[in-house]
Amino acid sequence: MTGLWRPSPEGFGDVVRCWRAICGAALVRGEMSMIRMMVVLALAAGAASAQNSSVAPIDEELAGQLDFRSTIFKVCFQREVCEIDGIRISGFRVDTDTQELEPADIYWDPIDGLGVMRGGQNDEIDFDERIVIEFPEDRVLNRIWLSDLFISEHVRYGGVSVSGKDEEHARIEMSLDGTIVGDIKVSGEFDLPDDPFDLLVDANFLESGDLRRRAIVDENTLLLIVPGGEGGSDIVIDISQGTVDDDKKDIFEGVPTVELDITSILAEFIDAPIFAEGTENADRILAILADDAALGQLNAVAKDTRVISDRTNGEIAGILDAPVTVNSLTFYAPFDTSNDYSVAGIVFEDVVPAQ
């Protein structure tokens, strides 16, 4: 029969789900005529087709490019170094004793991409962490997509920005054969949402399920809780305001000193929410790491959610003034109370094969 309505291939799955969930049950109850059923199916297919024709900018630009949210990069999870198709990815963190960069485990998930495990955020690149990506050949860089880069984070977590601005910053250092050929700064543009984007993708994720460093102000005491690292216990630092240990007073003997009132700074921590050590979201990824279908489903739902929801995931592109030839990139965050982000993908002038 010519002129027969057919759903688009992309929308067919949604039509089937509509049939099972709505139309089938209604027909069994005798509440829907065949004509009404076909109208519902047509509307469902049209909506599905329209939705599939709409793609968020990050997903459109990373299609066929180097998308770190792809499941092929899951091998990087909890490894200090991983290599995929000749691309070498390494994680680093500054050692608190030596102040030198030491290898650190990489974090990966199919929603945000790459980060560094532990540290201040269990899934992102903190100010004392690095991700280094080395390419097997020279590539012409066009732009870099980041995620989890926000403004208005300090108020949420009781932080105080040393720059005076409540926005997160990322830095990317570009190198060619060991020589730095560029360095760009990317700043957050979207307000941190009340509820995380990830919760729309999967309800098993938790708010601040990756937050690790915490501060508590109780009357005249500042309590800092810092995770002690893998296999270690948390470090608890108890600081009483207004007192100086007797054995430290000699340090200032004969030295001009200035007394600073930090009351306003400490006040920022009062009533800030305190979360348990944030490993739950990484545990969620670990639990399904061997299941490519489950990981792919998270990636697919995230793509749909970017189109139908106005809740931001802090995704922003670092656009270069002009293309730059590189074979190494270093991702880091300037020192601040809340500078952390993830690396979602890279767009090259010369297109890489689709993953």
Protein backbone atom coordinates (compact mmCIF):
# COMPACT_ATOMS: atom_id res chain seq x y z
CA MET A 1 0.00 0.00 0.00
CA THR A 2 1.46 3.33 -1.03
CA GLY A 3 1.43 6.26 1.35
CA LEU A 4 1.47 4.00 4.42
CA TRP A 5 2.85 5.85 7.47
CA ARG A 6 6.14 4.40 8.70
CA PRO A 7 8.09 5.45 11.80
CA SER A 8 11.68 6.50 11.34
CA PRO A 9 14.21 3.76 12.24
CA GLU A 10 15.51 5.95 15.07
CA GLY A 11 12.05 6.36 16.53
CA PHE A 12 10.94 2.76 16.15
CA GLY A 13 12.24 1.68 19.55
CA ASP A 14 10.25 4.44 21.22
CA VAL A 15 7.15 3.40 19.23
CA VAL A 16 7.52 -0.16 20.48
CA ARG A 17 7.88 1.08 24.06
CA CYS A 18 4.79 3.26 23.58
CA TRP A 19 2.87 0.24 22.28
CA ARG A 20 3.84 -1.90 25.23
CA ALA A 21 3.45 0.71 27.94
CA ILE A 22 0.38 2.62 26.76
CA CYS A 23 -1.37 1.35 23.66
CA GLY A 24 -1.25 -2.36 24.38
CA ALA A 25 -2.63 -1.99 27.87
CA ALA A 26 -5.34 0.39 26.68
CA LEU A 27 -6.48 -1.95 23.93
CA VAL A 28 -6.72 -4.84 26.36
CA ARG A 29 -9.00 -2.71 28.53
CA GLY A 30 -11.04 -1.69 25.46
CA GLU A 31 -10.28 1.96 26.12
CA MET A 32 -8.59 2.82 22.83
CA SER A 33 -9.77 2.38 19.28
CA MET A 34 -7.39 1.30 16.53
CA ILE A 35 -7.48 4.79 15.01
CA ARG A 36 -6.64 6.48 18.30
CA MET A 37 -3.86 3.98 18.82
CA MET A 38 -2.34 4.86 15.42
CA VAL A 39 -2.53 8.58 16.24
CA VAL A 40 -0.65 7.99 19.49
CA LEU A 41 1.95 5.90 17.68
CA ALA A 42 2.41 8.61 15.05
CA LEU A 43 2.88 11.30 17.67
CA ALA A 44 5.33 9.15 19.61
CA ALA A 45 7.37 8.40 16.48
CA GLY A 46 7.37 12.07 15.48
CA ALA A 47 8.60 13.14 18.91
CA ALA A 48 11.23 10.40 18.90
CA SER A 49 12.42 11.38 15.42
CA ALA A 50 12.57 15.07 16.37
CA GLN A 51 14.50 14.26 19.52
CA ASN A 52 16.99 12.09 17.64
CA SER A 53 17.56 14.85 15.09
CA SER A 54 18.57 17.20 17.90
CA VAL A 55 22.02 16.77 19.37
CA ALA A 56 23.73 18.81 22.05
CA PRO A 57 26.75 20.80 20.76
CA ILE A 58 29.25 18.71 22.74
CA ASP A 59 27.90 15.47 21.27
CA GLU A 60 27.65 16.87 17.75
CA GLU A 61 31.23 18.16 17.74
CA LEU A 62 32.74 15.05 19.34
CA ALA A 63 31.03 12.66 16.92
CA GLY A 64 33.85 11.01 14.97
CA GLN A 65 36.41 12.88 17.05
CA LEU A 66 38.37 11.92 20.17
CA ASP A 67 35.54 11.37 22.66
CA PHE A 68 36.88 10.26 26.04
CA ARG A 69 33.36 9.33 27.11
CA SER A 70 33.50 6.41 24.69
CA THR A 71 33.61 3.00 26.36
CA ILE A 72 36.95 2.21 24.70
CA PHE A 73 38.52 4.47 27.32
CA LYS A 74 37.07 2.50 30.24
CA VAL A 75 40.40 0.65 30.48
CA CYS A 76 41.82 3.84 32.01
CA PHE A 77 39.64 3.55 35.13
CA GLN A 78 41.80 3.14 38.28
CA ARG A 79 45.04 2.97 36.26
CA GLU A 80 47.92 5.41 36.45
CA VAL A 81 48.65 5.05 32.74
CA CYS A 82 46.60 3.66 29.87
CA GLU A 83 47.13 3.49 26.12
CA ILE A 84 44.41 3.25 23.46
CA ASP A 85 45.25 3.26 19.75
CA GLY A 86 48.65 4.77 20.53
CA ILE A 87 47.20 7.57 22.67
CA ARG A 88 48.86 7.53 26.09
CA ILE A 89 46.94 8.97 29.06
CA SER A 90 48.61 9.51 32.45
CA GLY A 91 47.34 10.75 35.82
CA PHE A 92 49.39 12.73 38.35
CA ARG A 93 49.02 14.36 41.77
CA VAL A 94 51.40 16.60 43.73
CA ASP A 95 52.93 14.75 46.67
CA THR A 96 52.27 16.75 49.86
CA ASP A 97 55.74 15.98 51.26
CA THR A 98 58.01 16.36 48.23
CA GLN A 99 55.81 18.76 46.21
CA GLU A 100 56.68 16.66 43.19
CA LEU A 101 54.21 15.16 40.73
CA GLU A 102 53.58 11.49 41.44
CA PRO A 103 51.54 9.00 39.40
CA ALA A 104 47.83 8.91 40.34
CA ASP A 105 44.90 6.76 39.27
CA ILE A 106 42.78 7.99 36.37
CA TYR A 107 39.02 8.29 36.70
CA TRP A 108 36.69 7.60 33.76
CA ASP A 109 32.96 7.50 33.17
CA PRO A 110 30.76 7.63 30.02
CA ILE A 111 29.04 10.87 31.05
CA ASP A 112 31.92 13.24 31.86
CA GLY A 113 35.09 11.59 30.54
CA LEU A 114 38.49 11.69 32.26
CA GLY A 115 39.58 12.91 35.70
CA VAL A 116 41.90 11.89 38.54
CA MET A 117 40.74 9.68 41.40
CA ARG A 118 40.92 10.68 45.06
CA GLY A 119 42.07 14.24 45.78
CA GLY A 120 39.42 16.87 46.49
CA GLN A 121 36.96 15.45 43.97
CA ASN A 122 37.11 11.72 43.32
CA ASP A 123 36.23 12.08 39.64
CA GLU A 124 37.77 15.35 38.44
CA ILE A 125 41.09 17.17 37.96
CA ASP A 126 41.79 19.20 41.11
CA PHE A 127 44.31 22.03 41.49
CA ASP A 128 47.02 19.59 42.62
CA GLU A 129 46.38 17.04 39.87
CA ARG A 130 47.22 16.59 36.20
CA ILE A 131 46.08 14.60 33.20
CA VAL A 132 48.69 14.28 30.44
CA ILE A 133 47.63 13.05 27.00
CA GLU A 134 50.33 12.12 24.47
CA PHE A 135 49.61 11.39 20.81
CA PRO A 136 51.62 8.99 18.64
CA GLU A 137 51.82 11.63 15.89
CA ASP A 138 51.41 15.36 15.44
CA ARG A 139 47.78 16.51 15.45
CA VAL A 140 46.22 19.84 14.52
CA LEU A 141 44.15 20.91 17.54
CA ASN A 142 40.92 22.86 17.02
CA ARG A 143 39.16 22.83 20.41
CA ILE A 144 38.80 20.91 23.66
CA TRP A 145 35.54 19.97 25.38
CA LEU A 146 35.44 19.99 29.19
CA SER A 147 32.68 19.07 31.64
CA ASP A 148 31.89 19.87 35.29
CA LEU A 149 33.14 23.45 34.96
CA PHE A 150 30.76 25.74 36.87
CA ILE A 151 30.22 29.05 38.59
CA SER A 152 28.61 29.47 42.05
CA GLU A 153 30.31 26.40 43.54
CA HIS A 154 31.95 28.21 46.45
CA VAL A 155 28.68 29.14 48.10
CA ARG A 156 27.46 25.57 47.82
CA TYR A 157 30.49 24.00 49.46
CA GLY A 158 31.51 26.77 51.82
CA GLY A 159 34.59 27.72 49.83
CA VAL A 160 36.27 31.07 49.35
CA SER A 161 37.86 31.95 46.02
CA VAL A 162 41.39 33.35 46.20
CA SER A 163 40.69 35.13 42.90
CA GLY A 164 37.59 36.84 44.25
CA LYS A 165 35.38 35.29 41.57
CA ASP A 166 33.02 32.41 42.17
CA GLU A 167 33.88 30.55 38.98
CA GLU A 168 35.97 27.52 38.15
CA HIS A 169 38.93 27.65 35.80
CA ALA A 170 40.73 25.03 33.75
CA ARG A 171 44.13 25.33 32.09
CA ILE A 172 45.41 23.33 29.13
CA GLU A 173 49.08 23.38 28.18
CA MET A 174 49.84 22.42 24.56
CA SER A 175 53.21 20.99 23.60
CA LEU A 176 55.02 19.83 20.48
CA ASP A 177 58.08 17.62 20.91
CA GLY A 178 58.55 18.82 24.50
CA THR A 179 58.22 22.53 23.69
CA ILE A 180 55.20 24.45 24.97
CA VAL A 181 53.40 25.99 22.00
CA GLY A 182 50.30 27.30 23.77
CA ASP A 183 48.33 27.55 27.00
CA ILE A 184 44.64 28.34 27.22
CA LYS A 185 42.36 29.11 30.15
CA VAL A 186 38.73 28.00 30.15
CA SER A 187 36.27 29.41 32.71
CA GLY A 188 32.91 28.12 33.86
CA GLU A 189 29.84 29.83 32.43
CA PHE A 190 26.96 27.89 33.97
CA ASP A 191 25.61 27.96 37.52
CA LEU A 192 26.06 24.77 39.50
CA PRO A 193 22.56 23.21 39.47
CA ASP A 194 20.78 22.37 42.71
CA ASP A 195 20.81 18.70 41.70
CA PRO A 196 23.57 17.12 39.61
CA PHE A 197 23.07 16.35 35.94
CA ASP A 198 24.15 12.75 36.60
CA LEU A 199 21.05 12.18 38.73
CA LEU A 200 18.89 12.71 35.64
CA VAL A 201 20.93 10.07 33.84
CA ASP A 202 20.90 7.48 36.61
CA ALA A 203 19.22 7.80 40.01
CA ASN A 204 21.91 5.56 41.50
CA PHE A 205 24.38 8.45 41.41
CA LEU A 206 24.51 10.62 44.53
CA GLU A 207 24.85 14.37 45.01
CA SER A 208 28.44 15.05 46.02
CA GLY A 209 29.13 11.35 45.73
CA ASP A 210 32.61 12.39 44.59
CA LEU A 211 33.36 15.15 47.14
CA ARG A 212 36.20 14.20 49.49
CA ARG A 213 37.73 17.19 51.30
CA ARG A 214 35.49 18.76 53.93
CA ALA A 215 35.67 21.61 56.43
CA ILE A 216 33.56 22.09 59.55
CA VAL A 217 33.35 25.22 61.67
CA ASP A 218 32.05 24.72 65.20
CA GLU A 219 32.09 27.82 67.42
CA ASN A 220 35.79 28.74 67.63
CA THR A 221 37.17 25.55 66.09
CA LEU A 222 37.99 24.81 62.46
CA LEU A 223 37.97 21.10 61.66
CA LEU A 224 39.52 19.97 58.37
CA ILE A 225 38.97 16.43 57.16
CA VAL A 226 41.24 15.26 54.35
CA PRO A 227 41.17 11.68 53.00
CA GLY A 228 44.37 9.84 53.75
CA GLY A 229 44.64 8.22 50.34
CA GLU A 230 44.28 4.64 49.21
CA GLY A 231 44.38 2.28 52.17
CA GLY A 232 44.89 5.15 54.61
CA SER A 233 42.59 6.69 57.17
CA ASP A 234 41.23 10.23 56.99
CA ILE A 235 43.44 13.00 58.34
CA VAL A 236 41.63 15.21 60.82
CA ILE A 237 43.14 18.63 61.59
CA ASP A 238 41.64 20.45 64.56
CA ILE A 239 42.50 24.17 64.67
CA SER A 240 41.43 26.38 67.54
CA GLN A 241 41.03 30.03 66.61
CA GLY A 242 42.80 32.73 68.55
CA THR A 243 45.55 30.55 70.04
CA VAL A 244 49.16 29.83 69.12
CA ASP A 245 51.12 26.85 70.43
CA ASP A 246 53.78 27.92 72.96
CA ASP A 247 56.50 26.01 71.11
CA LYS A 248 55.76 28.02 67.96
CA LYS A 249 55.81 31.48 69.51
CA ASP A 250 59.62 31.61 69.34
CA ILE A 251 59.38 31.53 65.56
CA PHE A 252 57.99 35.07 65.60
CA GLU A 253 60.39 36.44 68.22
CA GLY A 254 61.61 39.86 67.05
CA VAL A 255 59.77 39.58 63.73
CA PRO A 256 57.17 42.24 62.81
CA THR A 257 53.79 40.55 62.61
CA VAL A 258 50.32 41.55 61.49
CA GLU A 259 47.17 40.13 63.01
CA LEU A 260 44.56 39.24 60.43
CA ASP A 261 40.87 38.85 61.11
CA ILE A 262 39.77 35.70 59.27
CA THR A 263 36.31 35.64 60.78
CA SER A 264 34.66 36.50 57.46
CA ILE A 265 36.54 33.71 55.74
CA LEU A 266 35.62 31.09 58.31
CA ALA A 267 32.03 32.28 58.26
CA GLU A 268 31.79 31.00 54.70
CA PHE A 269 32.05 27.45 56.03
CA ILE A 270 29.24 27.78 58.55
CA ASP A 271 26.16 25.84 57.47
CA ALA A 272 28.02 24.41 54.48
CA PRO A 273 26.82 20.85 53.90
CA ILE A 274 29.12 18.07 55.05
CA PHE A 275 29.18 14.87 53.01
CA ALA A 276 30.58 11.44 53.67
CA GLU A 277 33.74 10.55 51.76
CA GLY A 278 32.68 10.63 48.14
CA THR A 279 33.48 7.31 46.51
CA GLU A 280 29.92 6.17 45.84
CA ASN A 281 29.74 7.37 42.24
CA ALA A 282 33.07 5.78 41.33
CA ASP A 283 31.85 2.58 42.98
CA ARG A 284 28.79 2.73 40.74
CA ILE A 285 31.00 2.86 37.63
CA LEU A 286 33.26 0.11 38.94
CA ALA A 287 30.26 -2.17 39.51
CA ILE A 288 29.28 -2.02 35.82
CA LEU A 289 32.74 -1.53 34.28
CA ALA A 290 32.67 -4.94 32.60
CA ASP A 291 29.20 -4.34 31.16
CA ASP A 292 29.60 -2.40 27.90
CA ALA A 293 25.84 -2.35 27.36
CA ALA A 294 25.22 -0.69 30.73
CA LEU A 295 28.00 1.84 30.16
CA GLY A 296 26.71 2.55 26.66
CA GLN A 297 23.23 3.07 28.07
CA LEU A 298 24.54 5.73 30.47
CA ASN A 299 26.25 7.46 27.57
CA ALA A 300 23.11 7.33 25.42
CA VAL A 301 20.79 8.56 28.16
CA ALA A 302 23.18 11.42 28.90
CA LYS A 303 23.05 12.47 25.23
CA ASP A 304 19.25 12.47 25.25
CA THR A 305 19.15 14.29 28.58
CA ARG A 306 21.32 17.13 27.25
CA VAL A 307 18.67 17.77 24.61
CA ILE A 308 15.47 17.49 26.66
CA SER A 309 16.65 18.98 29.97
CA ASP A 310 17.85 22.46 30.87
CA ARG A 311 19.99 21.11 33.74
CA THR A 312 23.61 21.79 32.87
CA ASN A 313 26.57 19.45 33.21
CA GLY A 314 29.02 22.35 33.07
CA GLU A 315 30.11 21.43 29.53
CA ILE A 316 32.07 24.06 27.67
CA ALA A 317 34.49 24.15 24.75
CA GLY A 318 37.94 25.67 25.00
CA ILE A 319 38.26 27.30 21.57
CA LEU A 320 41.66 28.28 20.23
CA ASP A 321 42.34 31.55 18.45
CA ALA A 322 43.90 29.47 15.68
CA PRO A 323 44.58 25.75 15.17
CA VAL A 324 47.77 24.52 16.84
CA THR A 325 49.91 21.48 15.99
CA VAL A 326 50.56 19.40 19.11
CA ASN A 327 51.54 15.93 20.23
CA SER A 328 50.99 16.39 23.97
CA LEU A 329 48.40 18.10 26.19
CA THR A 330 48.54 18.73 29.94
CA PHE A 331 45.29 19.45 31.80
CA TYR A 332 45.50 21.17 35.18
CA ALA A 333 43.61 23.60 37.39
CA PRO A 334 44.93 26.85 38.92
CA PHE A 335 45.13 26.91 42.70
CA ASP A 336 41.77 27.85 44.20
CA THR A 337 39.27 26.40 46.64
CA SER A 338 37.05 24.98 43.88
CA ASN A 339 38.78 24.44 40.57
CA ASP A 340 37.99 20.98 39.28
CA TYR A 341 36.70 19.59 36.00
CA SER A 342 36.71 16.61 33.62
CA VAL A 343 38.05 16.18 30.07
CA ALA A 344 35.26 15.13 27.72
CA GLY A 345 36.97 15.14 24.34
CA ILE A 346 39.14 16.78 21.70
CA VAL A 347 38.29 18.14 18.26
CA PHE A 348 41.05 18.04 15.64
CA GLU A 349 41.28 19.77 12.31
CA ASP A 350 42.24 16.43 10.80
CA VAL A 351 39.41 14.09 11.78
CA VAL A 352 40.27 10.87 13.62
CA PRO A 353 38.38 7.67 12.71
CA ALA A 354 34.98 7.33 14.41
CA GLN A 355 35.11 5.24 17.58
